[in-house]
Protein backbone atom coordinates (compact mmCIF):
# COMPACT_ATOMS: atom_id res chain seq x y z
CA UNK A 1 0.00 0.00 0.00
CA UNK A 2 1.49 3.39 -0.95
CA UNK A 3 1.92 6.08 1.73
CA UNK A 4 -0.90 8.60 1.99
CA UNK A 5 -0.97 12.23 3.08
CA UNK A 6 -2.23 13.17 6.55
CA UNK A 7 -4.31 16.18 7.53
CA UNK A 8 -3.18 17.83 10.78
CA UNK A 9 -5.50 20.27 12.57
CA UNK A 10 -4.59 22.30 15.66
CA UNK A 11 -6.90 24.70 17.47
CA UNK A 12 -5.88 26.83 20.45
CA UNK A 13 -8.12 28.88 22.74
CA UNK A 14 -7.38 30.78 25.94
CA UNK A 15 -6.84 34.23 27.43
CA UNK A 16 -9.03 35.89 24.79
CA UNK A 17 -7.32 34.11 21.90
CA UNK A 18 -8.93 31.59 19.58
CA UNK A 19 -7.05 30.44 16.50
CA UNK A 20 -6.42 27.35 14.44
CA UNK A 21 -4.56 25.97 11.47
CA UNK A 22 -5.01 22.98 9.19
CA UNK A 23 -2.28 21.57 6.96
CA UNK A 24 -1.83 18.51 4.79
CA UNK A 25 1.42 16.64 5.29
CA UNK A 26 2.56 14.53 2.34
CA UNK A 27 3.83 11.06 3.14
CA UNK A 28 7.10 9.88 1.67
CA UNK A 29 8.43 6.31 1.73
CA UNK A 30 11.21 5.64 4.24
CA UNK A 31 10.96 9.17 5.67
CA UNK A 32 9.75 10.74 8.88
CA UNK A 33 7.94 14.06 8.62
CA UNK A 34 7.87 16.31 11.68
CA UNK A 35 5.32 19.08 12.24
CA UNK A 36 5.95 22.03 14.57
CA UNK A 37 3.39 24.71 15.42
CA UNK A 38 4.43 28.18 16.60
CA UNK A 39 2.17 30.98 17.83
CA UNK A 40 3.34 34.27 16.30
CA UNK A 41 1.34 37.43 16.92
CA UNK A 42 -1.82 35.45 17.58
CA UNK A 43 -1.44 33.35 14.40
CA UNK A 44 -0.49 29.67 14.37
CA UNK A 45 2.31 28.94 11.92
CA UNK A 46 3.08 25.35 10.89
CA UNK A 47 6.55 24.23 9.88
CA UNK A 48 7.45 20.77 8.56
CA UNK A 49 10.71 19.01 7.90
CA UNK A 50 11.63 15.49 6.85
CA UNK A 51 14.42 13.13 7.78
CA UNK A 52 15.37 9.72 6.46
CA UNK A 53 14.19 6.63 8.27
CA UNK A 54 16.70 3.82 8.65
CA UNK A 55 13.86 1.30 8.06
CA UNK A 56 14.31 -2.25 6.80
C-alpha atoms as a PDB file:
ATOM      1  CA  UNK A   1       0.000   0.000   0.000  1.00  0.00           C
ATOM      2  CA  UNK A   2       1.486   3.392  -0.947  1.00  0.00           C
ATOM      3  CA  UNK A   3       1.922   6.076   1.727  1.00  0.00           C
ATOM      4  CA  UNK A   4      -0.905   8.597   1.991  1.00  0.00           C
ATOM      5  CA  UNK A   5      -0.966  12.226   3.078  1.00  0.00           C
ATOM      6  CA  UNK A   6      -2.232  13.169   6.549  1.00  0.00           C
ATOM      7  CA  UNK A   7      -4.313  16.176   7.529  1.00  0.00           C
ATOM      8  CA  UNK A   8      -3.177  17.831  10.779  1.00  0.00           C
ATOM      9  CA  UNK A   9      -5.495  20.267  12.567  1.00  0.00           C
ATOM     10  CA  UNK A  10      -4.589  22.301  15.656  1.00  0.00           C
ATOM     11  CA  UNK A  11      -6.899  24.705  17.472  1.00  0.00           C
ATOM     12  CA  UNK A  12      -5.882  26.833  20.452  1.00  0.00           C
ATOM     13  CA  UNK A  13      -8.123  28.876  22.739  1.00  0.00           C
ATOM     14  CA  UNK A  14      -7.382  30.779  25.945  1.00  0.00           C
ATOM     15  CA  UNK A  15      -6.843  34.226  27.431  1.00  0.00           C
ATOM     16  CA  UNK A  16      -9.031  35.895  24.789  1.00  0.00           C
ATOM     17  CA  UNK A  17      -7.315  34.108  21.895  1.00  0.00           C
ATOM     18  CA  UNK A  18      -8.934  31.592  19.579  1.00  0.00           C
ATOM     19  CA  UNK A  19      -7.046  30.444  16.502  1.00  0.00           C
ATOM     20  CA  UNK A  20      -6.422  27.346  14.444  1.00  0.00           C
ATOM     21  CA  UNK A  21      -4.561  25.966  11.474  1.00  0.00           C
ATOM     22  CA  UNK A  22      -5.014  22.976   9.188  1.00  0.00           C
ATOM     23  CA  UNK A  23      -2.279  21.570   6.961  1.00  0.00           C
ATOM     24  CA  UNK A  24      -1.828  18.507   4.792  1.00  0.00           C
ATOM     25  CA  UNK A  25       1.422  16.644   5.292  1.00  0.00           C
ATOM     26  CA  UNK A  26       2.562  14.527   2.344  1.00  0.00           C
ATOM     27  CA  UNK A  27       3.826  11.055   3.145  1.00  0.00           C
ATOM     28  CA  UNK A  28       7.098   9.883   1.672  1.00  0.00           C
ATOM     29  CA  UNK A  29       8.430   6.310   1.727  1.00  0.00           C
ATOM     30  CA  UNK A  30      11.207   5.636   4.243  1.00  0.00           C
ATOM     31  CA  UNK A  31      10.963   9.173   5.667  1.00  0.00           C
ATOM     32  CA  UNK A  32       9.751  10.737   8.882  1.00  0.00           C
ATOM     33  CA  UNK A  33       7.939  14.063   8.616  1.00  0.00           C
ATOM     34  CA  UNK A  34       7.873  16.314  11.678  1.00  0.00           C
ATOM     35  CA  UNK A  35       5.325  19.085  12.239  1.00  0.00           C
ATOM     36  CA  UNK A  36       5.951  22.034  14.566  1.00  0.00           C
ATOM     37  CA  UNK A  37       3.389  24.708  15.417  1.00  0.00           C
ATOM     38  CA  UNK A  38       4.426  28.180  16.598  1.00  0.00           C
ATOM     39  CA  UNK A  39       2.172  30.976  17.829  1.00  0.00           C
ATOM     40  CA  UNK A  40       3.338  34.273  16.304  1.00  0.00           C
ATOM     41  CA  UNK A  41       1.343  37.433  16.917  1.00  0.00           C
ATOM     42  CA  UNK A  42      -1.818  35.449  17.575  1.00  0.00           C
ATOM     43  CA  UNK A  43      -1.437  33.353  14.403  1.00  0.00           C
ATOM     44  CA  UNK A  44      -0.485  29.670  14.369  1.00  0.00           C
ATOM     45  CA  UNK A  45       2.314  28.936  11.922  1.00  0.00           C
ATOM     46  CA  UNK A  46       3.080  25.349  10.886  1.00  0.00           C
ATOM     47  CA  UNK A  47       6.546  24.229   9.877  1.00  0.00           C
ATOM     48  CA  UNK A  48       7.447  20.773   8.560  1.00  0.00           C
ATOM     49  CA  UNK A  49      10.714  19.005   7.900  1.00  0.00           C
ATOM     50  CA  UNK A  50      11.633  15.487   6.849  1.00  0.00           C
ATOM     51  CA  UNK A  51      14.424  13.127   7.780  1.00  0.00           C
ATOM     52  CA  UNK A  52      15.367   9.720   6.460  1.00  0.00           C
ATOM     53  CA  UNK A  53      14.191   6.634   8.269  1.00  0.00           C
ATOM     54  CA  UNK A  54      16.698   3.817   8.653  1.00  0.00           C
ATOM     55  CA  UNK A  55      13.859   1.297   8.063  1.00  0.00           C
ATOM     56  CA  UNK A  56      14.309  -2.250   6.801  1.00  0.00           C
END
